[in-house]
Protein backbone atom coordinates (compact mmCIF):
# COMPACT_ATOMS: atom_id res chain seq x y z
CA UNK A 1 156.53 15.80 106.05
CA UNK A 2 156.98 19.58 105.84
CA UNK A 3 158.23 19.91 102.27
CA UNK A 4 158.66 23.69 102.36
CA UNK A 5 160.68 23.71 105.61
CA UNK A 6 162.68 20.67 104.52
CA UNK A 7 163.70 22.39 101.28
CA UNK A 8 164.58 25.64 103.03
CA UNK A 9 166.63 23.81 105.66
CA UNK A 10 168.56 21.82 103.06
CA UNK A 11 169.28 24.97 101.07
CA UNK A 12 170.51 26.85 104.15
CA UNK A 13 172.85 24.00 105.14
CA UNK A 14 174.15 23.56 101.57
CA UNK A 15 174.99 27.25 101.22
CA UNK A 16 177.23 27.25 104.29
CA UNK A 17 179.48 24.39 103.06
CA UNK A 18 182.48 25.30 100.90
CA UNK A 19 183.85 22.82 98.30
CA UNK A 20 187.15 22.52 100.13
CA UNK A 21 185.27 21.53 103.31
CA UNK A 22 184.28 18.25 101.62
CA UNK A 23 187.40 17.68 99.55
CA UNK A 24 186.17 19.20 96.29
CA UNK A 25 188.10 21.74 94.20
CA UNK A 26 186.72 25.27 94.29
CA UNK A 27 186.77 25.45 90.49
CA UNK A 28 185.55 28.48 88.53
CA UNK A 29 183.91 31.43 90.21
CA UNK A 30 180.57 30.47 91.72
CA UNK A 31 177.45 32.58 91.39
CA UNK A 32 176.01 31.44 94.73
CA UNK A 33 177.65 30.55 98.06
CA UNK A 34 178.29 27.01 99.14
CA UNK A 35 178.04 23.72 97.28
CA UNK A 36 176.15 23.21 94.07
CA UNK A 37 173.12 20.94 94.22
CA UNK A 38 174.75 18.40 91.94
CA UNK A 39 177.76 18.25 94.26
CA UNK A 40 175.54 17.44 97.24
CA UNK A 41 173.80 14.76 95.19
CA UNK A 42 177.10 13.11 94.27
CA UNK A 43 178.30 13.17 97.90
CA UNK A 44 174.97 11.76 99.11
CA UNK A 45 174.87 9.08 96.37
CA UNK A 46 171.49 10.17 95.01
CA UNK A 47 170.42 11.65 91.70
CA UNK A 48 170.75 15.38 91.14
CA UNK A 49 167.15 15.55 89.92
CA UNK A 50 165.85 14.04 93.16
CA UNK A 51 167.92 16.36 95.35
CA UNK A 52 166.77 19.40 93.36
CA UNK A 53 163.16 18.32 93.85
CA UNK A 54 163.77 17.97 97.60
CA UNK A 55 165.01 21.54 97.85
CA UNK A 56 162.10 22.74 95.75
CA UNK A 57 159.57 20.94 97.93
CA UNK A 58 158.38 18.69 95.10
CA UNK A 59 159.83 15.30 96.06
CA UNK A 60 158.10 12.44 97.89
CA UNK A 61 159.21 11.55 101.39
CA UNK A 62 162.88 10.44 101.37
CA UNK A 63 163.95 7.25 103.07
CA UNK A 64 166.07 7.19 106.22
CA UNK A 65 169.00 5.97 104.12
CA UNK A 66 168.70 8.92 101.73
CA UNK A 67 168.51 11.36 104.64
CA UNK A 68 171.58 9.78 106.24
CA UNK A 69 173.49 10.27 102.98
CA UNK A 70 172.40 13.92 102.74
CA UNK A 71 173.28 14.53 106.40
CA UNK A 72 176.77 13.20 105.78
CA UNK A 73 177.17 15.22 102.58
CA UNK A 74 176.16 18.43 104.33
CA UNK A 75 178.24 17.69 107.44
CA UNK A 76 175.19 18.04 109.70
CA UNK A 77 175.58 17.88 113.46
CA UNK A 78 173.54 15.35 115.45
CA UNK A 79 170.96 18.03 116.30
CA UNK A 80 170.72 19.13 112.67
CA UNK A 81 170.38 15.54 111.49
CA UNK A 82 167.58 14.90 113.99
CA UNK A 83 165.82 18.05 112.76
CA UNK A 84 166.20 16.89 109.15
CA UNK A 85 164.50 13.60 109.99
CA UNK A 86 161.70 15.37 111.83
CA UNK A 87 161.00 17.64 108.87
CA UNK A 88 160.98 14.66 106.52
CA UNK A 89 158.58 12.75 108.75
CA UNK A 90 160.94 9.80 109.25
CA UNK A 91 161.60 10.34 112.97
CA UNK A 92 159.12 9.74 115.79
CA UNK A 93 156.83 12.76 116.01
CA UNK A 94 154.91 13.79 119.11
CA UNK A 95 151.25 13.85 118.26
CA UNK A 96 148.77 16.30 119.70
CA UNK A 97 149.58 19.17 122.06
CA UNK A 98 152.68 20.01 124.03
CA UNK A 99 152.22 19.43 127.75
CA UNK A 100 151.79 22.16 130.36
CA UNK A 101 151.08 20.01 133.42
CA UNK A 102 154.08 19.62 135.75
CA UNK A 103 154.70 16.41 137.68
CA UNK A 104 153.78 16.77 141.39
CA UNK A 105 157.20 15.43 142.38
CA UNK A 106 158.86 18.26 140.45
CA UNK A 107 156.59 20.82 142.12
CA UNK A 108 157.66 19.49 145.52
CA UNK A 109 161.31 19.50 144.48
CA UNK A 110 161.15 23.19 143.55
CA UNK A 111 160.43 24.11 147.16
CA UNK A 112 163.12 21.85 148.64
CA UNK A 113 166.10 23.21 146.70
CA UNK A 114 168.28 25.33 149.03
CA UNK A 115 169.32 28.77 147.77
CA UNK A 116 168.58 27.78 144.18
CA UNK A 117 166.27 29.68 141.86
CA UNK A 118 164.31 26.98 140.06
CA UNK A 119 161.52 26.97 137.51
CA UNK A 120 159.97 24.70 134.89
CA UNK A 121 159.44 25.69 131.26
CA UNK A 122 157.38 24.07 128.53
CA UNK A 123 158.49 23.39 124.97
CA UNK A 124 157.27 26.93 124.18
CA UNK A 125 159.26 28.68 126.96
CA UNK A 126 156.17 29.06 129.13
CA UNK A 127 157.09 29.33 132.82
CA UNK A 128 154.85 26.63 134.30
CA UNK A 129 156.10 26.50 137.90
CA UNK A 130 158.67 28.34 140.01
CA UNK A 131 159.94 28.66 143.55
CA UNK A 132 160.25 31.65 145.87
CA UNK A 133 163.83 32.49 144.88
CA UNK A 134 163.08 32.38 141.15
CA UNK A 135 160.30 34.92 141.71
CA UNK A 136 162.65 37.16 143.69
CA UNK A 137 165.50 36.90 141.17
CA UNK A 138 163.41 37.34 138.03
CA UNK A 139 159.73 38.10 138.51
CA UNK A 140 156.70 37.09 140.56
CA UNK A 141 154.96 35.07 137.89
CA UNK A 142 151.91 34.60 140.09
CA UNK A 143 150.98 38.21 139.32
CA UNK A 144 151.05 37.60 135.56
CA UNK A 145 148.47 36.04 133.29
CA UNK A 146 149.67 32.69 131.87
CA UNK A 147 150.17 34.30 128.44
CA UNK A 148 152.61 36.82 129.94
CA UNK A 149 154.75 34.12 131.55
CA UNK A 150 156.20 33.15 128.17
CA UNK A 151 159.94 33.90 128.03
CA UNK A 152 160.06 33.76 124.22
CA UNK A 153 157.35 36.41 123.99
CA UNK A 154 159.13 38.57 126.59
CA UNK A 155 162.46 38.18 124.78
CA UNK A 156 161.19 39.46 121.44
CA UNK A 157 158.03 41.45 122.16
CA UNK A 158 158.87 42.99 125.53
CA UNK A 159 159.52 46.66 126.44
CA UNK A 160 161.64 48.89 124.23
CA UNK A 161 164.62 48.52 126.58
CA UNK A 162 166.52 45.55 125.08
CA UNK A 163 167.40 44.17 128.52
CA UNK A 164 164.13 44.79 130.33
CA UNK A 165 162.24 41.74 129.04
CA UNK A 166 165.16 39.49 129.99
CA UNK A 167 165.72 40.69 133.55
CA UNK A 168 169.02 42.33 132.64
CA UNK A 169 170.76 39.03 131.80
CA UNK A 170 174.25 39.21 130.35
CA UNK A 171 173.61 36.76 127.51
CA UNK A 172 170.43 38.29 126.07
CA UNK A 173 171.54 37.83 122.44
CA UNK A 174 172.48 34.19 122.99
CA UNK A 175 169.22 33.55 124.77
CA UNK A 176 167.21 34.95 121.86
CA UNK A 177 169.14 32.78 119.41
CA UNK A 178 168.47 29.69 121.50
CA UNK A 179 164.78 30.57 121.77
CA UNK A 180 164.49 30.62 117.97
CA UNK A 181 166.31 27.31 117.58
CA UNK A 182 164.21 25.60 120.26
CA UNK A 183 160.97 26.93 118.78
CA UNK A 184 161.95 25.67 115.33
CA UNK A 185 162.47 22.22 116.82
CA UNK A 186 159.15 22.44 118.73
CA UNK A 187 157.34 23.35 115.53
CA UNK A 188 158.70 20.20 113.91
CA UNK A 189 157.74 18.04 116.92
CA UNK A 190 154.21 19.42 117.29
CA UNK A 191 152.89 20.13 113.78
CA UNK A 192 149.27 19.71 114.95
CA UNK A 193 149.50 22.04 117.98
CA UNK A 194 148.00 25.44 117.05
CA UNK A 195 149.65 27.17 120.01
CA UNK A 196 153.12 26.33 118.63
CA UNK A 197 152.48 27.69 115.15
CA UNK A 198 150.55 30.60 116.66
CA UNK A 199 153.47 31.69 118.83
CA UNK A 200 155.92 31.46 115.93
CA UNK A 201 153.59 33.50 113.71
CA UNK A 202 153.13 36.10 116.46
CA UNK A 203 156.88 36.50 116.90
CA UNK A 204 157.47 36.65 113.16
CA UNK A 205 154.85 39.39 112.81
CA UNK A 206 156.09 41.41 115.78
CA UNK A 207 159.88 41.13 115.73
CA UNK A 208 162.31 41.77 112.87
CA UNK A 209 165.05 40.24 115.02
CA UNK A 210 163.08 37.01 115.35
CA UNK A 211 162.59 36.91 111.56
CA UNK A 212 166.32 37.44 110.99
CA UNK A 213 167.24 34.58 113.32
CA UNK A 214 164.45 32.33 112.03
CA UNK A 215 165.65 32.66 108.44
CA UNK A 216 169.05 31.28 109.44
CA UNK A 217 167.48 27.83 109.99
CA UNK A 218 169.89 27.04 112.84
CA UNK A 219 168.98 24.18 115.18
CA UNK A 220 172.18 23.67 117.21
CA UNK A 221 171.54 25.47 120.51
CA UNK A 222 174.50 26.58 122.63
CA UNK A 223 174.92 25.55 126.26
CA UNK A 224 174.68 28.39 128.76
CA UNK A 225 176.89 27.59 131.76
CA UNK A 226 176.65 30.89 133.62
CA UNK A 227 174.77 34.15 133.32
CA UNK A 228 174.66 37.46 135.16
CA UNK A 229 171.42 39.11 136.25
CA UNK A 230 171.37 42.85 136.80
CA UNK A 231 168.99 42.94 139.76
CA UNK A 232 167.39 46.20 140.94
CA UNK A 233 167.96 45.40 144.65
CA UNK A 234 171.21 43.40 144.95
CA UNK A 235 172.95 44.49 141.75
CA UNK A 236 174.77 42.04 139.50
CA UNK A 237 174.36 38.38 140.43
CA UNK A 238 176.28 35.72 138.49
CA UNK A 239 174.77 32.24 138.66
CA UNK A 240 175.57 28.77 137.38
CA UNK A 241 172.96 27.55 134.90
CA UNK A 242 171.73 23.97 134.76
CA UNK A 243 168.83 22.83 132.61
CA UNK A 244 167.50 19.33 133.24
CA UNK A 245 165.42 17.65 130.56
CA UNK A 246 162.06 16.32 131.79
CA UNK A 247 161.74 14.10 128.74
CA UNK A 248 158.39 12.50 129.51
CA UNK A 249 156.63 15.88 129.22
CA UNK A 250 159.08 17.71 126.96
CA UNK A 251 159.78 20.26 129.69
CA UNK A 252 162.90 21.67 131.34
CA UNK A 253 163.78 22.20 134.98
CA UNK A 254 166.06 25.26 135.06
CA UNK A 255 168.32 25.80 138.08
CA UNK A 256 170.27 28.96 138.97
CA UNK A 257 172.74 28.64 141.84
CA UNK A 258 176.09 30.05 143.01
CA UNK A 259 179.17 28.56 144.75
CA UNK A 260 178.76 28.38 148.53
CA UNK A 261 180.33 31.33 150.35
CA UNK A 262 180.59 33.51 147.25
CA UNK A 263 179.14 37.04 147.11
CA UNK A 264 176.66 35.76 144.52
CA UNK A 265 175.48 33.04 146.92
CA UNK A 266 175.05 35.67 149.63
CA UNK A 267 172.98 37.78 147.24
CA UNK A 268 170.77 34.79 146.45
CA UNK A 269 170.36 34.03 150.16
CA UNK A 270 169.29 37.62 150.78
CA UNK A 271 166.75 37.47 147.97
CA UNK A 272 165.46 34.16 149.28
CA UNK A 273 164.78 35.73 152.67
CA UNK A 274 163.32 38.89 151.17
CA UNK A 275 161.09 37.10 148.66
CA UNK A 276 159.36 38.65 145.65
CA UNK A 277 156.78 40.35 147.86
CA UNK A 278 159.54 42.31 149.59
CA UNK A 279 160.99 43.76 146.39
CA UNK A 280 160.28 47.23 145.08
CA UNK A 281 161.00 47.28 141.36
């Protein structure tokens, strides 16, 4: 149970809910935004004293029933409710380290996908494996040290040019927001993994933007359906984005493709033939 994070998360969710959102009168002028603590307690059917202690990080571990009541009172989404349970220690927690080894079948699949840029990321946004087209579209990761293949690190600690660390993608801001939300979830899943806490601390120390997004305590990531890469050789390339969950290892298989016969598909086909070694960046 992470009492400090649990309290901060509850406070952030409470402050975003207005009385009228839950059928309560606004009443006199409020000194702070959102619901009062006693209002949340009433809606969750628990004592005000206990809820106050939860937010202050002084309460013992709440039961699943109490958490369900609080989730309903705060109108949490499914993802937010899952995160609440993880912080409270009432949901299954992955012990030990996050996995970096990719299944051999996935490695073989990467090379068999036609005209599709494909790569595998870990729970920490480490690029673990990639195919020829992914290297041509984004970067030849074989020339980088494993530490430098981390997309979260590149997103927040990359070159001064705001687009450079993200390969000129059109949704750079959304990607950074999703990185923060996914890392917050990873930190809750792997409390004993020093590399998870270490990456979060590194990003907090090195990026004011990461700190700003981290303090929002958001955990509901948005789905990215398409994105545009500004490529130095073929120009703008818009691709469909599909991310497949490899649940057994807490990894993702990311696929970038384009409709057959489209100019974007032709650009991908050209890059596939050219390969990363043929690019001059």
